[in-house]
Amino acid sequence: MDIAASQRHRLNRAVNFAFSNLSEPMDLRDLADTACLSKFHFCRAFKSHFKETPFEFLWRIRIENAARRLIFAKEKSITEVSIESGFSCLQSFSQAFHRKYQLSPRRFKQIDTLDFHLFSPSAPQSEVINRLNIALPAFGPRDLPVRIEKRPGYNLAYVRHYGSYGDLDGGISGAFRRLEIWARTKNLSFERREWIGLCPDSPTLTPPHLCMYDAATPVPEHLTEDATVSIRKIPGGTYAVLEVPRNLRLLNTWQWFVSVWLPHSGRTYGQRPCYEYMPGGPESSIHLCQPIGP
């Protein structure tokens, strides 16, 4: 494995660690140690690879996590949300949040879930702009039945892509193609192969070029990282699952799932990764898996 691939895996581990421990105290030393790099080397490599510094990245994902929870976990107080997003001081959280979104956490919390996807971080408070230029689908639970189920944890080989979740540039489908070629070289069975797309960001809150998507497939524990794939684990838990045909617009459907179904379901928003599960390969129907609390 070449030096570039080894460094990419190290940086990916730091990113995964940050997303998995948003409520915990965390600083540059913690991220650098997770990547097994010196702080100086880690900062240089991180900025070169991701086009933002480790501090900018950590600050951004904490604020974005808080914004999601203010909208979709309205049963939580602002203080609880700030703590669960890694802020030890409510005042510093409020100042950071206002600097990012030009709204106080209290005002942001008042946004209806249906209006959330019309929000634009760059717009003045008086404007509501449809950043994605898409509308919420008009169908309801009877048209798209949602089931609640326990989902297993996975040991995943993945190819990470950064870019718009709409896949307009073919980046996500290209990541799955690279993963499929790799899986064939490892003689992994395709008869019952599962494919998973991890999508931790919100396209309403995260700039498109920073949206992260992992094209992944479960693999045995003995397989290791190489020039093509990284390895990560995700925990199991309780999920709301919505099966949709391949030809349905996924961004619209995710929006309906989270903005319409979830708030009216009586369920609470979960902190585990949400993902797209494809039991029959990347061309099969897609199961949208939204974690629910606790």
Protein backbone atom coordinates (compact mmCIF):
# COMPACT_ATOMS: atom_id res chain seq x y z
CA MET A 1 0.00 0.00 0.00
CA ASP A 2 1.44 3.38 -0.99
CA ILE A 3 2.00 6.36 1.32
CA ALA A 4 -0.98 8.33 -0.04
CA ALA A 5 -3.41 5.46 0.64
CA SER A 6 -2.00 4.92 4.13
CA GLN A 7 -2.41 8.61 4.94
CA ARG A 8 -5.97 8.62 3.56
CA HIS A 9 -6.92 5.74 5.87
CA ARG A 10 -5.44 7.56 8.85
CA LEU A 11 -7.38 10.72 8.07
CA ASN A 12 -10.58 8.74 7.50
CA ARG A 13 -10.19 7.15 10.93
CA ALA A 14 -9.92 10.61 12.50
CA VAL A 15 -13.05 11.78 10.66
CA ASN A 16 -14.97 8.64 11.72
CA PHE A 17 -13.82 9.12 15.31
CA ALA A 18 -15.06 12.72 15.31
CA PHE A 19 -18.50 11.81 13.92
CA SER A 20 -18.84 8.94 16.44
CA ASN A 21 -17.94 11.06 19.48
CA LEU A 22 -19.65 14.39 18.89
CA SER A 23 -20.84 14.69 22.47
CA GLU A 24 -17.39 14.01 23.96
CA PRO A 25 -14.61 16.51 24.69
CA MET A 26 -12.26 16.40 21.71
CA ASP A 27 -9.32 18.45 20.51
CA LEU A 28 -6.57 18.38 17.91
CA ARG A 29 -4.47 15.96 19.96
CA ASP A 30 -7.31 13.41 20.07
CA LEU A 31 -7.77 13.53 16.29
CA ALA A 32 -4.04 13.37 15.59
CA ASP A 33 -3.62 10.44 17.98
CA THR A 34 -6.49 8.58 16.27
CA ALA A 35 -4.69 9.10 12.96
CA CYS A 36 -1.35 8.08 14.53
CA LEU A 37 0.27 11.28 13.27
CA SER A 38 2.01 14.18 14.93
CA LYS A 39 -0.15 17.27 15.37
CA PHE A 40 1.89 19.21 12.82
CA HIS A 41 1.79 16.47 10.17
CA PHE A 42 -1.89 15.79 10.86
CA CYS A 43 -2.89 19.46 10.41
CA ARG A 44 -0.99 19.76 7.14
CA ALA A 45 -2.33 16.48 5.74
CA PHE A 46 -5.90 17.20 6.87
CA LYS A 47 -6.02 20.67 5.30
CA SER A 48 -4.50 19.37 2.06
CA HIS A 49 -6.93 16.45 1.81
CA PHE A 50 -10.19 18.04 3.01
CA LYS A 51 -9.66 21.74 2.20
CA GLU A 52 -10.53 22.76 5.77
CA THR A 53 -8.48 22.66 8.96
CA PRO A 54 -9.20 20.05 11.67
CA PHE A 55 -10.59 22.83 13.87
CA GLU A 56 -12.87 24.10 11.08
CA PHE A 57 -14.06 20.55 10.42
CA LEU A 58 -14.77 19.74 14.07
CA TRP A 59 -16.51 23.08 14.66
CA ARG A 60 -18.62 22.60 11.51
CA ILE A 61 -19.85 19.06 12.22
CA ARG A 62 -20.68 19.95 15.84
CA ILE A 63 -22.77 22.94 14.74
CA GLU A 64 -24.46 20.94 11.96
CA ASN A 65 -25.27 18.14 14.41
CA ALA A 66 -26.76 20.69 16.80
CA ALA A 67 -28.85 22.21 14.00
CA ARG A 68 -30.29 18.80 13.04
CA ARG A 69 -31.15 18.02 16.63
CA LEU A 70 -32.79 21.40 17.19
CA ILE A 71 -35.10 20.66 14.25
CA PHE A 72 -35.70 16.92 14.54
CA ALA A 73 -35.32 16.35 18.30
CA LYS A 74 -37.49 19.20 19.54
CA GLU A 75 -38.10 17.36 22.81
CA LYS A 76 -34.48 18.22 23.69
CA SER A 77 -33.70 21.52 25.37
CA ILE A 78 -31.13 23.85 23.84
CA THR A 79 -28.80 23.07 26.73
CA GLU A 80 -29.12 19.32 26.07
CA VAL A 81 -28.46 19.82 22.37
CA SER A 82 -25.37 21.92 23.05
CA ILE A 83 -23.96 19.26 25.41
CA GLU A 84 -24.78 16.42 22.97
CA SER A 85 -22.92 18.35 20.29
CA GLY A 86 -19.78 18.73 22.37
CA PHE A 87 -20.15 22.27 23.74
CA SER A 88 -19.42 22.67 27.44
CA CYS A 89 -20.71 26.24 27.63
CA LEU A 90 -24.17 27.30 26.46
CA GLN A 91 -23.00 30.86 25.78
CA SER A 92 -20.14 29.75 23.50
CA PHE A 93 -22.54 27.39 21.70
CA SER A 94 -25.09 30.16 21.14
CA GLN A 95 -22.41 32.51 19.81
CA ALA A 96 -20.94 29.87 17.48
CA PHE A 97 -24.39 28.87 16.23
CA HIS A 98 -25.40 32.45 15.48
CA ARG A 99 -22.10 33.07 13.69
CA LYS A 100 -22.78 30.06 11.44
CA TYR A 101 -26.51 30.48 10.71
CA GLN A 102 -27.29 34.12 11.56
CA LEU A 103 -30.01 32.83 13.88
CA SER A 104 -30.02 32.09 17.60
CA PRO A 105 -30.51 28.40 18.58
CA ARG A 106 -33.90 29.36 20.06
CA ARG A 107 -35.07 30.97 16.81
CA PHE A 108 -33.68 28.10 14.73
CA LYS A 109 -35.51 25.56 16.92
CA GLN A 110 -38.79 27.26 15.98
CA ILE A 111 -38.36 26.38 12.29
CA ASP A 112 -40.92 23.74 11.32
CA THR A 113 -39.53 20.45 10.05
CA LEU A 114 -41.35 21.04 6.76
CA ASP A 115 -39.63 24.40 6.32
CA PHE A 116 -36.18 23.15 7.32
CA HIS A 117 -35.21 22.06 3.80
CA LEU A 118 -36.02 25.55 2.54
CA PHE A 119 -33.47 27.02 4.94
CA SER A 120 -30.23 28.41 3.52
CA PRO A 121 -27.30 29.20 5.84
CA SER A 122 -26.14 31.93 3.47
CA ALA A 123 -29.51 33.69 3.20
CA PRO A 124 -30.52 36.71 5.31
CA GLN A 125 -32.95 35.94 8.11
CA SER A 126 -35.80 37.55 6.17
CA GLU A 127 -35.39 35.23 3.17
CA VAL A 128 -36.36 31.60 2.68
CA ILE A 129 -34.52 30.07 -0.24
CA ASN A 130 -34.97 26.55 -1.57
CA ARG A 131 -31.29 25.73 -1.72
CA LEU A 132 -31.81 22.33 -3.34
CA ASN A 133 -34.54 23.53 -5.72
CA ILE A 134 -36.66 20.48 -4.90
CA ALA A 135 -40.02 20.15 -3.16
CA LEU A 136 -41.11 17.67 -0.54
CA PRO A 137 -42.96 14.73 -2.07
CA ALA A 138 -46.72 14.74 -1.62
CA PHE A 139 -47.09 11.09 -0.68
CA GLY A 140 -47.72 9.86 2.85
CA PRO A 141 -47.23 6.84 5.11
CA ARG A 142 -49.87 4.72 3.35
CA ASP A 143 -48.04 5.11 0.07
CA LEU A 144 -44.62 4.41 1.57
CA PRO A 145 -44.97 2.11 4.60
CA VAL A 146 -42.27 2.50 7.23
CA ARG A 147 -41.28 -0.38 9.47
CA ILE A 148 -39.34 -0.35 12.73
CA GLU A 149 -36.63 -2.96 13.08
CA LYS A 150 -33.41 -3.85 14.83
CA ARG A 151 -30.51 -3.50 12.41
CA PRO A 152 -27.21 -5.33 12.92
CA GLY A 153 -23.82 -3.73 13.26
CA TYR A 154 -21.44 -4.06 10.33
CA ASN A 155 -17.74 -4.34 9.61
CA LEU A 156 -17.51 -2.40 6.34
CA ALA A 157 -15.06 -1.94 3.51
CA TYR A 158 -15.79 1.45 1.96
CA VAL A 159 -14.79 3.96 -0.71
CA ARG A 160 -15.35 7.52 0.50
CA HIS A 161 -16.71 10.22 -1.80
CA TYR A 162 -17.10 13.94 -1.18
CA GLY A 163 -19.65 15.82 -3.27
CA SER A 164 -23.33 16.46 -3.84
CA TYR A 165 -25.69 13.73 -2.69
CA GLY A 166 -27.52 14.09 -6.01
CA ASP A 167 -24.67 12.17 -7.74
CA LEU A 168 -24.87 14.59 -10.67
CA ASP A 169 -21.14 14.11 -11.28
CA GLY A 170 -21.36 10.32 -11.02
CA GLY A 171 -19.09 10.33 -7.98
CA ILE A 172 -21.27 8.10 -5.80
CA SER A 173 -22.00 5.56 -8.53
CA GLY A 174 -18.31 5.63 -9.42
CA ALA A 175 -17.40 4.84 -5.81
CA PHE A 176 -19.71 1.81 -5.89
CA ARG A 177 -18.13 0.65 -9.16
CA ARG A 178 -14.65 0.82 -7.63
CA LEU A 179 -15.91 -1.05 -4.58
CA GLU A 180 -17.51 -3.76 -6.74
CA ILE A 181 -14.31 -4.28 -8.74
CA TRP A 182 -12.35 -4.53 -5.48
CA ALA A 183 -14.83 -7.04 -4.02
CA ARG A 184 -14.44 -9.26 -7.08
CA THR A 185 -10.67 -9.24 -6.71
CA LYS A 186 -11.16 -10.49 -3.14
CA ASN A 187 -13.47 -13.30 -4.35
CA LEU A 188 -16.29 -12.07 -2.15
CA SER A 189 -19.57 -13.83 -2.86
CA PHE A 190 -21.97 -11.76 -4.98
CA GLU A 191 -24.92 -14.12 -4.58
CA ARG A 192 -26.12 -12.40 -1.41
CA ARG A 193 -23.81 -9.40 -1.26
CA GLU A 194 -25.18 -6.38 0.62
CA TRP A 195 -24.31 -2.81 -0.33
CA ILE A 196 -24.58 0.16 2.01
CA GLY A 197 -24.33 3.90 1.43
CA LEU A 198 -23.51 5.89 4.57
CA CYS A 199 -24.66 9.51 4.35
CA PRO A 200 -24.06 11.36 7.65
CA ASP A 201 -24.47 14.92 6.39
CA SER A 202 -27.52 17.06 5.69
CA PRO A 203 -27.46 18.64 2.21
CA THR A 204 -29.42 21.56 3.66
CA LEU A 205 -26.66 22.34 6.16
CA THR A 206 -23.45 20.97 4.67
CA PRO A 207 -21.88 22.62 1.61
CA PRO A 208 -22.22 20.20 -1.33
CA HIS A 209 -18.46 19.73 -1.80
CA LEU A 210 -18.15 18.66 1.87
CA CYS A 211 -21.05 16.16 1.90
CA MET A 212 -19.56 12.77 2.72
CA TYR A 213 -20.83 9.47 1.30
CA ASP A 214 -19.31 6.04 1.98
CA ALA A 215 -20.01 3.37 -0.65
CA ALA A 216 -19.64 0.27 1.50
CA THR A 217 -20.15 -3.47 1.78
CA PRO A 218 -19.91 -5.81 4.81
CA VAL A 219 -16.68 -7.83 4.88
CA PRO A 220 -15.07 -10.47 7.13
CA GLU A 221 -12.93 -9.22 10.00
CA HIS A 222 -9.70 -10.57 8.49
CA LEU A 223 -9.77 -8.22 5.48
CA THR A 224 -7.58 -5.14 5.84
CA GLU A 225 -7.31 -1.71 4.28
CA ASP A 226 -5.51 -1.35 0.98
CA ALA A 227 -5.04 1.11 -1.87
CA THR A 228 -8.77 0.98 -2.72
CA VAL A 229 -10.81 0.56 0.47
CA SER A 230 -10.81 1.73 4.06
CA ILE A 231 -12.37 -0.31 6.89
CA ARG A 232 -14.81 0.88 9.53
CA LYS A 233 -17.43 -0.47 11.92
CA ILE A 234 -20.91 0.91 12.50
CA PRO A 235 -23.08 -0.08 15.47
CA GLY A 236 -26.42 -1.83 15.30
CA GLY A 237 -29.61 -0.49 16.84
CA THR A 238 -33.23 0.43 16.23
CA TYR A 239 -34.03 1.98 12.86
CA ALA A 240 -37.04 3.20 10.94
CA VAL A 241 -36.75 1.58 7.50
CA LEU A 242 -38.42 2.74 4.31
CA GLU A 243 -38.05 0.64 1.14
CA VAL A 244 -38.22 2.67 -2.07
CA PRO A 245 -37.79 1.75 -5.75
CA ARG A 246 -34.56 2.72 -7.46
CA ASN A 247 -36.30 5.22 -9.77
CA LEU A 248 -37.73 7.34 -6.90
CA ARG A 249 -35.86 10.59 -6.24
CA LEU A 250 -33.89 9.77 -3.12
CA LEU A 251 -33.29 13.33 -1.89
CA ASN A 252 -37.02 14.03 -1.98
CA THR A 253 -37.82 10.76 -0.26
CA TRP A 254 -35.22 11.26 2.48
CA GLN A 255 -36.72 14.71 3.10
CA TRP A 256 -40.23 13.29 3.42
CA PHE A 257 -38.96 10.50 5.67
CA VAL A 258 -37.18 12.81 8.09
CA SER A 259 -39.31 15.96 7.82
CA VAL A 260 -42.81 14.48 7.60
CA TRP A 261 -42.86 10.90 8.80
CA LEU A 262 -40.42 11.14 11.73
CA PRO A 263 -41.98 14.18 13.50
CA HIS A 264 -45.45 12.59 13.30
CA SER A 265 -44.36 9.04 14.21
CA GLY A 266 -43.92 9.54 17.93
CA ARG A 267 -40.32 8.32 17.55
CA THR A 268 -37.22 10.27 18.51
CA TYR A 269 -34.22 11.17 16.36
CA GLY A 270 -31.25 8.82 16.84
CA GLN A 271 -27.55 9.65 16.86
CA ARG A 272 -26.28 6.57 14.98
CA PRO A 273 -25.37 6.78 11.28
CA CYS A 274 -28.21 6.86 8.76
CA TYR A 275 -27.63 4.84 5.62
CA GLU A 276 -29.03 3.41 2.40
CA TYR A 277 -29.17 -0.39 2.35
CA MET A 278 -29.22 -2.26 -0.97
CA PRO A 279 -29.65 -6.00 -0.39
CA GLY A 280 -29.53 -6.85 -4.09
CA GLY A 281 -26.65 -4.62 -5.18
CA PRO A 282 -26.42 -0.96 -6.22
CA GLU A 283 -29.14 -1.43 -8.86
CA SER A 284 -31.74 -2.92 -6.46
CA SER A 285 -34.46 -1.19 -4.46
CA ILE A 286 -33.11 0.93 -1.63
CA HIS A 287 -33.95 0.69 2.06
CA LEU A 288 -33.55 4.08 3.75
CA CYS A 289 -32.45 3.42 7.33
CA GLN A 290 -33.00 6.28 9.79
CA PRO A 291 -31.80 5.71 13.37
CA ILE A 292 -34.37 6.36 16.08
CA GLY A 293 -33.81 6.85 19.79
CA PRO A 294 -32.73 6.12 22.28
